[in-house]
Amino acid sequence: MKYYVDIPYPEIRVEKPNIEYAKVLSNIYAGEISEESCINLYIFEHIALFNTYKEYSEILKKIAIVEMHHLQMLGETIKLLGMKPILMNYNSEKKGFIPWKSNYIDYNTNIEDVIDLDIKSEKKAIEVYKNIFEIVKDKYVRNLITRIIMDEELHLKIFNDFKNKIKIQ
């Protein structure tokens, strides 16, 4: 099974530096709903569920690797836009950066709750990416966002398929 869509990722580039776009991307980079949060959530779940739900644990590990690639591409894009790719997200209300926090992660290990949370996380990530797509007008950044959404939709499908599979058993 593949955990990423079999379409090449676009070249990482930007039309021109734009700090405001970098700030917007920082939210999906290291906010509460972000690649950083998904990576940490899925790795925690992978480790916690390894002895009891090995198949799902392996799925989580492989999806986390794809999310790491998303994080890397977003970090490179943020850098090209003119900002350091720090693990902080921009809070427009406070007009400042907030560090990524480990309490963004739900440490539940009940398999049904975990799968529901993973489905919810992917849905939220897709929603955030779509919102960013509407804000950011840089064609190269938009190409990257579009491509990442494809992977997130695949992850959502994988999680839903697994949820349906364990209901059958």
N, C-alpha and C. Protein backbone atom coordinates (compact mmCIF):
# COMPACT_ATOMS: atom_id res chain seq x y z
N MET A 1 0.85 -1.18 0.00
CA MET A 1 0.00 0.00 0.00
C MET A 1 0.90 1.24 0.00
N LYS A 2 0.49 2.23 -0.77
CA LYS A 2 1.21 3.51 -0.78
C LYS A 2 0.51 4.47 0.17
N TYR A 3 1.31 5.33 0.78
CA TYR A 3 0.80 6.28 1.75
C TYR A 3 0.91 7.72 1.25
N TYR A 4 1.25 7.84 -0.02
CA TYR A 4 1.29 9.13 -0.69
C TYR A 4 0.75 8.92 -2.10
N VAL A 5 0.21 9.98 -2.68
CA VAL A 5 -0.34 9.90 -4.03
C VAL A 5 0.82 9.81 -5.01
N ASP A 6 0.67 8.97 -6.01
CA ASP A 6 1.75 8.73 -6.96
C ASP A 6 1.81 9.82 -8.04
N ILE A 7 1.91 11.05 -7.59
CA ILE A 7 2.07 12.22 -8.47
C ILE A 7 3.25 12.99 -7.89
N PRO A 8 4.19 13.41 -8.72
CA PRO A 8 5.37 14.11 -8.17
C PRO A 8 4.98 15.38 -7.40
N TYR A 9 5.78 15.67 -6.39
CA TYR A 9 5.62 16.92 -5.67
C TYR A 9 6.19 18.04 -6.53
N PRO A 10 5.61 19.21 -6.45
CA PRO A 10 6.16 20.32 -7.24
C PRO A 10 7.52 20.76 -6.69
N GLU A 11 8.27 21.43 -7.54
CA GLU A 11 9.53 22.02 -7.10
C GLU A 11 9.22 23.05 -6.01
N ILE A 12 10.06 23.07 -5.00
CA ILE A 12 9.86 24.03 -3.91
C ILE A 12 10.42 25.38 -4.36
N ARG A 13 9.52 26.32 -4.58
CA ARG A 13 9.90 27.66 -4.99
C ARG A 13 8.76 28.62 -4.68
N VAL A 14 9.05 29.89 -4.76
CA VAL A 14 8.05 30.93 -4.53
C VAL A 14 8.22 31.99 -5.61
N GLU A 15 7.16 32.74 -5.85
CA GLU A 15 7.25 33.84 -6.81
C GLU A 15 8.19 34.92 -6.29
N LYS A 16 8.06 35.23 -5.00
CA LYS A 16 8.93 36.22 -4.35
C LYS A 16 8.74 36.08 -2.84
N PRO A 17 9.72 36.56 -2.06
CA PRO A 17 9.55 36.50 -0.61
C PRO A 17 8.28 37.23 -0.17
N ASN A 18 7.64 36.67 0.85
CA ASN A 18 6.41 37.27 1.36
C ASN A 18 6.22 36.78 2.80
N ILE A 19 6.60 37.63 3.75
CA ILE A 19 6.53 37.26 5.16
C ILE A 19 5.10 36.93 5.59
N GLU A 20 4.13 37.64 5.05
CA GLU A 20 2.73 37.36 5.44
C GLU A 20 2.33 35.94 5.03
N TYR A 21 2.75 35.51 3.86
CA TYR A 21 2.46 34.14 3.43
C TYR A 21 3.21 33.14 4.33
N ALA A 22 4.44 33.47 4.71
CA ALA A 22 5.21 32.59 5.60
C ALA A 22 4.49 32.45 6.94
N LYS A 23 3.96 33.54 7.45
CA LYS A 23 3.21 33.49 8.72
C LYS A 23 1.98 32.59 8.58
N VAL A 24 1.28 32.70 7.47
CA VAL A 24 0.10 31.87 7.24
C VAL A 24 0.51 30.39 7.19
N LEU A 25 1.59 30.09 6.48
CA LEU A 25 2.05 28.70 6.40
C LEU A 25 2.53 28.16 7.75
N SER A 26 3.00 29.06 8.63
CA SER A 26 3.49 28.60 9.93
C SER A 26 2.40 27.87 10.71
N ASN A 27 1.15 28.19 10.44
CA ASN A 27 0.05 27.54 11.16
C ASN A 27 -0.09 26.07 10.80
N ILE A 28 0.08 25.72 9.53
CA ILE A 28 -0.01 24.31 9.13
C ILE A 28 1.34 23.62 9.33
N TYR A 29 2.38 24.41 9.50
CA TYR A 29 3.72 23.89 9.76
C TYR A 29 3.84 23.43 11.22
N ALA A 30 3.45 24.31 12.16
CA ALA A 30 3.65 23.99 13.57
C ALA A 30 2.57 24.55 14.48
N GLY A 31 1.35 24.59 14.01
CA GLY A 31 0.24 25.02 14.86
C GLY A 31 -0.42 23.82 15.51
N GLU A 32 -1.55 24.07 16.13
CA GLU A 32 -2.28 22.96 16.76
C GLU A 32 -2.71 21.95 15.71
N ILE A 33 -3.24 22.43 14.59
CA ILE A 33 -3.58 21.57 13.45
C ILE A 33 -2.45 21.77 12.44
N SER A 34 -1.48 20.86 12.46
CA SER A 34 -0.29 21.07 11.63
C SER A 34 0.40 19.76 11.32
N GLU A 35 1.37 19.86 10.43
CA GLU A 35 2.19 18.69 10.11
C GLU A 35 2.97 18.25 11.35
N GLU A 36 3.53 19.20 12.09
CA GLU A 36 4.27 18.86 13.31
C GLU A 36 3.37 18.11 14.30
N SER A 37 2.15 18.57 14.47
CA SER A 37 1.22 17.89 15.39
C SER A 37 0.88 16.50 14.89
N CYS A 38 0.61 16.36 13.59
CA CYS A 38 0.28 15.03 13.05
C CYS A 38 1.44 14.06 13.20
N ILE A 39 2.64 14.52 12.92
CA ILE A 39 3.81 13.65 13.06
C ILE A 39 3.91 13.14 14.49
N ASN A 40 3.84 14.05 15.45
CA ASN A 40 3.97 13.64 16.85
C ASN A 40 2.82 12.76 17.30
N LEU A 41 1.61 13.08 16.85
CA LEU A 41 0.45 12.25 17.20
C LEU A 41 0.62 10.84 16.64
N TYR A 42 0.94 10.74 15.35
CA TYR A 42 1.02 9.42 14.72
C TYR A 42 2.18 8.59 15.26
N ILE A 43 3.31 9.23 15.59
CA ILE A 43 4.43 8.49 16.16
C ILE A 43 4.07 8.00 17.57
N PHE A 44 3.43 8.86 18.37
CA PHE A 44 2.97 8.41 19.69
C PHE A 44 2.04 7.21 19.54
N GLU A 45 1.05 7.34 18.67
CA GLU A 45 0.08 6.25 18.49
C GLU A 45 0.77 4.99 17.98
N HIS A 46 1.71 5.15 17.06
CA HIS A 46 2.46 4.01 16.52
C HIS A 46 3.13 3.24 17.66
N ILE A 47 3.82 3.95 18.52
CA ILE A 47 4.52 3.31 19.63
C ILE A 47 3.53 2.72 20.64
N ALA A 48 2.52 3.48 20.99
CA ALA A 48 1.55 3.03 22.01
C ALA A 48 0.75 1.82 21.56
N LEU A 49 0.46 1.72 20.28
CA LEU A 49 -0.41 0.64 19.77
C LEU A 49 0.36 -0.53 19.17
N PHE A 50 1.68 -0.46 19.15
CA PHE A 50 2.46 -1.46 18.44
C PHE A 50 2.17 -2.89 18.90
N ASN A 51 2.08 -3.12 20.18
CA ASN A 51 1.87 -4.50 20.67
C ASN A 51 0.44 -4.99 20.52
N THR A 52 -0.52 -4.08 20.43
CA THR A 52 -1.92 -4.50 20.39
C THR A 52 -2.55 -4.39 19.00
N TYR A 53 -2.13 -3.41 18.24
CA TYR A 53 -2.70 -3.20 16.90
C TYR A 53 -1.56 -2.94 15.91
N LYS A 54 -0.78 -3.98 15.66
CA LYS A 54 0.43 -3.84 14.83
C LYS A 54 0.13 -3.31 13.44
N GLU A 55 -0.93 -3.79 12.83
CA GLU A 55 -1.24 -3.34 11.46
C GLU A 55 -1.49 -1.83 11.44
N TYR A 56 -2.30 -1.36 12.36
CA TYR A 56 -2.60 0.08 12.41
C TYR A 56 -1.36 0.87 12.82
N SER A 57 -0.59 0.32 13.73
CA SER A 57 0.65 0.96 14.17
C SER A 57 1.59 1.19 12.98
N GLU A 58 1.71 0.21 12.11
CA GLU A 58 2.58 0.35 10.94
C GLU A 58 2.02 1.38 9.95
N ILE A 59 0.72 1.42 9.80
CA ILE A 59 0.08 2.44 8.95
C ILE A 59 0.44 3.82 9.48
N LEU A 60 0.33 4.00 10.78
CA LEU A 60 0.63 5.30 11.40
C LEU A 60 2.07 5.71 11.16
N LYS A 61 2.99 4.76 11.31
CA LYS A 61 4.40 5.07 11.09
C LYS A 61 4.65 5.53 9.65
N LYS A 62 4.05 4.84 8.71
CA LYS A 62 4.29 5.18 7.30
C LYS A 62 3.63 6.51 6.92
N ILE A 63 2.47 6.78 7.49
CA ILE A 63 1.84 8.08 7.23
C ILE A 63 2.65 9.20 7.90
N ALA A 64 3.19 8.95 9.08
CA ALA A 64 4.02 9.95 9.76
C ALA A 64 5.23 10.32 8.89
N ILE A 65 5.79 9.35 8.19
CA ILE A 65 6.93 9.61 7.31
C ILE A 65 6.52 10.55 6.18
N VAL A 66 5.33 10.35 5.62
CA VAL A 66 4.83 11.25 4.58
C VAL A 66 4.61 12.64 5.16
N GLU A 67 4.07 12.70 6.36
CA GLU A 67 3.85 14.00 7.01
C GLU A 67 5.19 14.71 7.26
N MET A 68 6.24 13.95 7.55
CA MET A 68 7.57 14.54 7.71
C MET A 68 8.05 15.19 6.42
N HIS A 69 7.74 14.54 5.32
CA HIS A 69 8.11 15.12 4.02
C HIS A 69 7.33 16.42 3.79
N HIS A 70 6.06 16.43 4.16
CA HIS A 70 5.27 17.67 4.05
C HIS A 70 5.89 18.77 4.91
N LEU A 71 6.29 18.41 6.13
CA LEU A 71 6.90 19.38 7.04
C LEU A 71 8.17 19.96 6.42
N GLN A 72 8.99 19.10 5.85
CA GLN A 72 10.23 19.56 5.21
C GLN A 72 9.93 20.52 4.07
N MET A 73 8.97 20.17 3.20
CA MET A 73 8.65 21.03 2.06
C MET A 73 8.08 22.36 2.52
N LEU A 74 7.24 22.33 3.54
CA LEU A 74 6.69 23.57 4.07
C LEU A 74 7.78 24.43 4.69
N GLY A 75 8.70 23.80 5.42
CA GLY A 75 9.80 24.52 6.03
C GLY A 75 10.67 25.20 4.98
N GLU A 76 10.97 24.48 3.90
CA GLU A 76 11.76 25.06 2.82
C GLU A 76 11.02 26.23 2.17
N THR A 77 9.71 26.09 2.03
CA THR A 77 8.89 27.16 1.44
C THR A 77 8.86 28.38 2.35
N ILE A 78 8.67 28.15 3.64
CA ILE A 78 8.67 29.25 4.60
C ILE A 78 10.00 30.01 4.53
N LYS A 79 11.09 29.27 4.43
CA LYS A 79 12.41 29.89 4.34
C LYS A 79 12.52 30.74 3.06
N LEU A 80 12.05 30.20 1.93
CA LEU A 80 12.08 30.96 0.67
C LEU A 80 11.20 32.20 0.74
N LEU A 81 10.15 32.11 1.54
CA LEU A 81 9.26 33.27 1.69
C LEU A 81 9.88 34.35 2.59
N GLY A 82 10.99 34.01 3.26
CA GLY A 82 11.71 35.02 4.01
C GLY A 82 11.68 34.88 5.52
N MET A 83 11.28 33.72 6.02
CA MET A 83 11.19 33.53 7.47
C MET A 83 11.89 32.23 7.86
N LYS A 84 12.45 32.18 9.05
CA LYS A 84 13.04 30.93 9.54
C LYS A 84 11.93 29.92 9.75
N PRO A 85 12.17 28.66 9.42
CA PRO A 85 11.14 27.62 9.63
C PRO A 85 11.17 27.10 11.07
N ILE A 86 10.76 27.96 12.00
CA ILE A 86 10.76 27.61 13.41
C ILE A 86 9.47 26.87 13.78
N LEU A 87 9.54 26.09 14.83
CA LEU A 87 8.35 25.34 15.26
C LEU A 87 7.46 26.23 16.13
N MET A 88 6.96 27.26 15.46
CA MET A 88 6.03 28.20 16.08
C MET A 88 5.00 28.57 15.01
N ASN A 89 3.84 28.95 15.48
CA ASN A 89 2.81 29.41 14.54
C ASN A 89 2.45 30.84 14.85
N TYR A 90 2.04 31.54 13.82
CA TYR A 90 1.74 32.95 13.97
C TYR A 90 0.30 33.13 14.43
N ASN A 91 0.12 33.89 15.50
CA ASN A 91 -1.20 34.20 16.02
C ASN A 91 -1.52 35.63 15.63
N SER A 92 -2.43 35.79 14.68
CA SER A 92 -2.74 37.12 14.17
C SER A 92 -3.42 38.01 15.21
N GLU A 93 -4.16 37.42 16.13
CA GLU A 93 -4.81 38.22 17.17
C GLU A 93 -3.78 38.82 18.13
N LYS A 94 -2.78 38.02 18.50
CA LYS A 94 -1.75 38.49 19.41
C LYS A 94 -0.58 39.14 18.67
N LYS A 95 -0.61 39.04 17.34
CA LYS A 95 0.45 39.57 16.49
C LYS A 95 1.83 39.07 16.94
N GLY A 96 1.88 37.78 17.14
CA GLY A 96 3.14 37.17 17.56
C GLY A 96 3.12 35.67 17.35
N PHE A 97 4.26 35.06 17.60
CA PHE A 97 4.42 33.63 17.40
C PHE A 97 4.21 32.86 18.70
N ILE A 98 3.61 31.68 18.56
CA ILE A 98 3.36 30.80 19.69
C ILE A 98 4.12 29.50 19.42
N PRO A 99 4.91 29.02 20.39
CA PRO A 99 5.65 27.77 20.16
C PRO A 99 4.71 26.57 20.04
N TRP A 100 5.14 25.60 19.24
CA TRP A 100 4.41 24.34 19.17
C TRP A 100 4.43 23.73 20.57
N LYS A 101 3.30 23.12 20.95
CA LYS A 101 3.18 22.56 22.30
C LYS A 101 2.81 21.07 22.25
N SER A 102 3.40 20.31 23.15
CA SER A 102 3.09 18.88 23.19
C SER A 102 1.67 18.62 23.65
N ASN A 103 1.02 19.59 24.29
CA ASN A 103 -0.37 19.36 24.70
C ASN A 103 -1.34 19.51 23.53
N TYR A 104 -0.81 19.77 22.32
CA TYR A 104 -1.65 19.71 21.12
C TYR A 104 -2.02 18.25 20.81
N ILE A 105 -1.31 17.31 21.42
CA ILE A 105 -1.48 15.89 21.13
C ILE A 105 -2.45 15.27 22.13
N ASP A 106 -3.36 14.46 21.61
CA ASP A 106 -4.28 13.68 22.45
C ASP A 106 -3.61 12.33 22.68
N TYR A 107 -3.36 11.99 23.92
CA TYR A 107 -2.62 10.77 24.25
C TYR A 107 -3.51 9.57 24.56
N ASN A 108 -4.70 9.57 24.01
CA ASN A 108 -5.64 8.46 24.16
C ASN A 108 -5.09 7.24 23.40
N THR A 109 -5.31 6.04 23.95
CA THR A 109 -4.85 4.83 23.27
C THR A 109 -5.97 3.82 23.01
N ASN A 110 -7.22 4.22 23.22
CA ASN A 110 -8.34 3.36 22.85
C ASN A 110 -8.43 3.36 21.33
N ILE A 111 -8.37 2.19 20.71
CA ILE A 111 -8.24 2.11 19.25
C ILE A 111 -9.36 2.83 18.51
N GLU A 112 -10.60 2.70 18.97
CA GLU A 112 -11.70 3.38 18.29
C GLU A 112 -11.55 4.90 18.38
N ASP A 113 -11.17 5.38 19.57
CA ASP A 113 -10.96 6.81 19.75
C ASP A 113 -9.77 7.30 18.92
N VAL A 114 -8.72 6.50 18.87
CA VAL A 114 -7.52 6.87 18.09
C VAL A 114 -7.88 7.03 16.62
N ILE A 115 -8.57 6.06 16.07
CA ILE A 115 -8.93 6.13 14.65
C ILE A 115 -9.84 7.32 14.39
N ASP A 116 -10.81 7.54 15.26
CA ASP A 116 -11.70 8.71 15.10
C ASP A 116 -10.90 10.01 15.16
N LEU A 117 -9.95 10.08 16.07
CA LEU A 117 -9.10 11.28 16.18
C LEU A 117 -8.26 11.46 14.92
N ASP A 118 -7.72 10.38 14.40
CA ASP A 118 -6.89 10.46 13.20
C ASP A 118 -7.71 10.93 12.00
N ILE A 119 -8.92 10.45 11.90
CA ILE A 119 -9.83 10.89 10.83
C ILE A 119 -10.13 12.38 11.00
N LYS A 120 -10.44 12.77 12.22
CA LYS A 120 -10.73 14.18 12.51
C LYS A 120 -9.51 15.05 12.20
N SER A 121 -8.32 14.59 12.55
CA SER A 121 -7.09 15.35 12.30
C SER A 121 -6.86 15.57 10.82
N GLU A 122 -7.06 14.53 10.03
CA GLU A 122 -6.87 14.67 8.58
C GLU A 122 -7.91 15.61 7.97
N LYS A 123 -9.14 15.50 8.44
CA LYS A 123 -10.19 16.40 7.93
C LYS A 123 -9.86 17.85 8.26
N LYS A 124 -9.40 18.10 9.49
CA LYS A 124 -9.05 19.46 9.89
C LYS A 124 -7.86 19.97 9.08
N ALA A 125 -6.87 19.11 8.86
CA ALA A 125 -5.69 19.52 8.09
C ALA A 125 -6.10 19.91 6.67
N ILE A 126 -6.96 19.12 6.06
CA ILE A 126 -7.44 19.44 4.71
C ILE A 126 -8.15 20.79 4.72
N GLU A 127 -8.98 21.01 5.72
CA GLU A 127 -9.70 22.28 5.85
C GLU A 127 -8.72 23.46 5.99
N VAL A 128 -7.70 23.29 6.83
CA VAL A 128 -6.70 24.35 7.01
C VAL A 128 -5.96 24.61 5.71
N TYR A 129 -5.55 23.55 5.03
CA TYR A 129 -4.86 23.73 3.74
C TYR A 129 -5.75 24.47 2.74
N LYS A 130 -7.01 24.13 2.69
CA LYS A 130 -7.92 24.80 1.76
C LYS A 130 -8.08 26.28 2.12
N ASN A 131 -8.12 26.59 3.41
CA ASN A 131 -8.19 27.99 3.83
C ASN A 131 -6.92 28.74 3.43
N ILE A 132 -5.77 28.11 3.63
CA ILE A 132 -4.51 28.73 3.24
C ILE A 132 -4.46 28.96 1.74
N PHE A 133 -4.97 27.99 0.98
CA PHE A 133 -5.00 28.12 -0.48
C PHE A 133 -5.75 29.39 -0.89
N GLU A 134 -6.82 29.71 -0.18
CA GLU A 134 -7.61 30.90 -0.51
C GLU A 134 -6.87 32.19 -0.16
N ILE A 135 -6.02 32.14 0.83
CA ILE A 135 -5.29 33.34 1.27
C ILE A 135 -4.04 33.58 0.43
N VAL A 136 -3.27 32.53 0.21
CA VAL A 136 -1.99 32.64 -0.48
C VAL A 136 -2.21 32.62 -1.99
N LYS A 137 -1.72 33.64 -2.64
CA LYS A 137 -1.91 33.75 -4.10
C LYS A 137 -0.67 33.37 -4.91
N ASP A 138 0.42 33.03 -4.23
CA ASP A 138 1.65 32.60 -4.91
C ASP A 138 1.37 31.26 -5.59
N LYS A 139 1.55 31.23 -6.92
CA LYS A 139 1.18 30.02 -7.67
C LYS A 139 2.01 28.80 -7.28
N TYR A 140 3.26 29.00 -6.90
CA TYR A 140 4.10 27.85 -6.53
C TYR A 140 3.68 27.29 -5.17
N VAL A 141 3.37 28.16 -4.25
CA VAL A 141 2.90 27.72 -2.93
C VAL A 141 1.55 27.02 -3.08
N ARG A 142 0.71 27.57 -3.91
CA ARG A 142 -0.61 26.94 -4.14
C ARG A 142 -0.46 25.55 -4.77
N ASN A 143 0.51 25.39 -5.67
CA ASN A 143 0.75 24.07 -6.27
C ASN A 143 1.17 23.07 -5.19
N LEU A 144 2.01 23.52 -4.27
CA LEU A 144 2.44 22.65 -3.18
C LEU A 144 1.27 22.28 -2.29
N ILE A 145 0.47 23.26 -1.94
CA ILE A 145 -0.70 23.02 -1.08
C ILE A 145 -1.64 22.02 -1.75
N THR A 146 -1.90 22.22 -3.03
CA THR A 146 -2.79 21.31 -3.77
C THR A 146 -2.26 19.88 -3.73
N ARG A 147 -0.95 19.73 -3.90
CA ARG A 147 -0.35 18.40 -3.92
C ARG A 147 -0.40 17.76 -2.52
N ILE A 148 -0.13 18.54 -1.49
CA ILE A 148 -0.18 17.99 -0.12
C ILE A 148 -1.60 17.57 0.23
N ILE A 149 -2.59 18.36 -0.17
CA ILE A 149 -3.99 17.99 0.10
C ILE A 149 -4.30 16.60 -0.48
N MET A 150 -3.74 16.29 -1.63
CA MET A 150 -3.96 14.96 -2.22
C MET A 150 -3.51 13.85 -1.27
N ASP A 151 -2.34 14.02 -0.66
CA ASP A 151 -1.86 13.02 0.31
C ASP A 151 -2.77 12.97 1.52
N GLU A 152 -3.18 14.13 2.01
CA GLU A 152 -4.04 14.17 3.20
C GLU A 152 -5.37 13.47 2.93
N GLU A 153 -5.90 13.65 1.73
CA GLU A 153 -7.14 12.96 1.37
C GLU A 153 -6.93 11.45 1.30
N LEU A 154 -5.77 11.02 0.84
CA LEU A 154 -5.45 9.60 0.83
C LEU A 154 -5.35 9.07 2.27
N HIS A 155 -4.71 9.83 3.15
CA HIS A 155 -4.60 9.40 4.55
C HIS A 155 -5.99 9.27 5.18
N LEU A 156 -6.85 10.21 4.88
CA LEU A 156 -8.23 10.14 5.37
C LEU A 156 -8.91 8.86 4.89
N LYS A 157 -8.73 8.53 3.64
CA LYS A 157 -9.30 7.30 3.08
C LYS A 157 -8.73 6.06 3.77
N ILE A 158 -7.43 6.04 3.99
CA ILE A 158 -6.79 4.90 4.66
C ILE A 158 -7.35 4.72 6.06
N PHE A 159 -7.48 5.82 6.80
CA PHE A 159 -8.03 5.74 8.16
C PHE A 159 -9.49 5.29 8.15
N ASN A 160 -10.28 5.84 7.23
CA ASN A 160 -11.69 5.41 7.13
C ASN A 160 -11.79 3.94 6.75
N ASP A 161 -10.96 3.49 5.82
CA ASP A 161 -10.97 2.08 5.41
C ASP A 161 -10.62 1.17 6.58
N PHE A 162 -9.63 1.58 7.38
CA PHE A 162 -9.25 0.76 8.52
C PHE A 162 -10.36 0.74 9.56
N LYS A 163 -10.99 1.87 9.77
CA LYS A 163 -12.13 1.93 10.72
C LYS A 163 -13.22 0.97 10.28
N ASN A 164 -13.54 0.97 8.99
CA ASN A 164 -14.55 0.05 8.47
C ASN A 164 -14.11 -1.40 8.59
N LYS A 165 -12.83 -1.65 8.42
CA LYS A 165 -12.29 -3.01 8.52
C LYS A 165 -12.44 -3.55 9.93
N ILE A 166 -12.13 -2.75 10.94
CA ILE A 166 -12.23 -3.30 12.31
C ILE A 166 -13.67 -3.43 12.77
N LYS A 167 -14.58 -2.68 12.14
CA LYS A 167 -16.00 -2.86 12.47
C LYS A 167 -16.51 -4.20 11.97
N ILE A 168 -15.95 -4.67 10.87
CA ILE A 168 -16.35 -5.95 10.26
C ILE A 168 -15.89 -7.11 11.13
N GLN A 169 -14.71 -6.99 11.73
CA GLN A 169 -14.12 -8.11 12.49
C GLN A 169 -14.81 -8.34 13.80
